[in-house]
Amino acid sequence: MINLIIVVLLTIILSGTTWSCDNEFHGFGVHLGSIGHFNSTRKDTIQKVIDKIYVDLKIRYFRTSYEPYFSPSEGIYKLSCDQPTTENCTWSWEAILQVLSNKQRYGDIDIIASVWAPPLYLMNTTTLRLLPEKEMDYYYYLKNITALIKEKYDLSVTKISPVNEPENIWATWNHCNMDPSQLCRMVINFNDPLVALCTENSYFWVTELYLKYKNRRMGIDCLSACKTVATHAYKLDINSTSPNYGLAYYDLLAYENPFKHHHHKRLIWMTEVSSTFPFAEEEQMSEALDLAMNLINFVGVTCVERYYFWSAFTTISSGESLIWGSGDEATSLKFPKKYFVYNHFTNASSDLSPNVTVRTCAETNFVQRPGDCLFFTNKSDNITVFTNRGDEPLHLKSHAHTLCKCGLCCTTMDSDLTCDPSNWTVLPPKSVCTCTRQCNTRRRHKNTPIAKTVVDTYGGLRMRRPLSSLFITLRPLLNTSFN
């Protein structure tokens, strides 16, 4: 009874946050690409990457693509490619689905799909637009490919975005240009919730513009048409003096969901974000901290239901991927700082799933600045992830020990993950930390750097992985003493 009262009091203390989301947070995801990078590696690399994403990061939400070559001509639908292997025609797309089809290993995943470009015979190849008279043929293409995936791999694609970044007329990759009038009219005519994940624009403010489009004469209302709203979370560097001019990066602004109180109440899925800036290897921690800020804003302020990082893997060091290849044919894997930072958030959400809600932390609670942390909670437990973007240590408020009784586990410039049970008040410079309530420590893993405390993280699973992969699993508050 006493424990229950304390849980309620902690909830009241934290209810004064700057932002609070009423909707349930589904979890975090990633796009399983880029397939061109997978295509230049050994086939077992796909298994290794998916295992790290599924086991280490505990990600269950995956995003894939539907490729133009799946339908080389009208009425022909297949998942293979007759052309020589190229960037846009690869074996790796099928290999990814083949790995995921192992239900004993990955039985609880959810897959969504985005389309960069329809089959060529449906397009005006000059304007790069879908021909209006071919829209229903395009719908049949989407439905047939979805059915083939189910038939061949027993995998269900739960949502499809019919056009990825439809406003991006300057894209250098294979893409389809589509204004809101055509996109939303097409989705209305499809009348199928499977194909109503839209409008999936590059920037949140563009998604707002698309969703506000209405044409009463034609019966078009984009917000009504898109049963599930999708957006990306990029910001374009428009500073002409910047070395990154014209490149996309994490949007670091906070946006309220403008549609949550609308009569067409819509929650949002953030389906893609990353960095296209150069020097990913040298700027690892800076990028990781910006990923954390983007994530806290979109999950804790915009209150998105899902948050997907762009790409799981590239063969080179890149701001666009969580895992990097290393060596000939990427036979070994490298894990940049953003992998471990994303790990803090993905594990916090997964460990409390289902029925997880989130909120940011207010200045009056544990941190010095609003938005410096994200608080995950369910009916009986909670996990807080803190960030310190500064060059000096950041001291939490004195009562933080009520949540971080067993200390902080932190990712810093010098450490992928270090847990210190004696420290529950100080965030190291440039760090992301998770506060822990589970004090039972376990035997330190062999051949790992010594930290003050190393805790096996996977909820009791027997894992063989280095300290850099470890994470903290918290036990329910009702089973924990508050002494």
Foldseek 3Di string as FASTA:
>chain_A
DVLLVVVVVVCVQFVPAPFWFPDWAQFEEAEADDQLQLQLFDLCVLVVLVCCCCQLLVHQEYEYEDAQQQDQDQPHGHDAHPDPDDSRHGPRRVSNLQSCLPCVVRVRHAYAYEYFAHHPVQAPVVQQAGDLVCLVSSVVRVVVNQVVSCVPRVHHHQAYADAAQQCPSVDPDNGHHDALVSRQVSLVVSVDLRHQADDNHQDPVVLVVSQPDDDVVSPGHSLVSRLAYEYAAWDAACPPPDPRHGWIAGRLDADAQPQCPPPSHYAYAHAEHWGQDPPCVVCQLVRLLSVLSSCLRCCAHNVHNYHYYYYDEGQDRGRRHQWYFDDNSSPDIDGTLNVLSSSLRRQQCSLADDQKIKHWGHCPAWFPHTSQKMWIDHPFAIKMKGFAAAQAKTFTPPPQCQNQVQFKWKPAPVHLTATDRVHRTIDGHSIMIMRAQDNDADDAAPPEDDHNGQHADSPPDDDRDYSSSGDHRYDTSVVGDRD
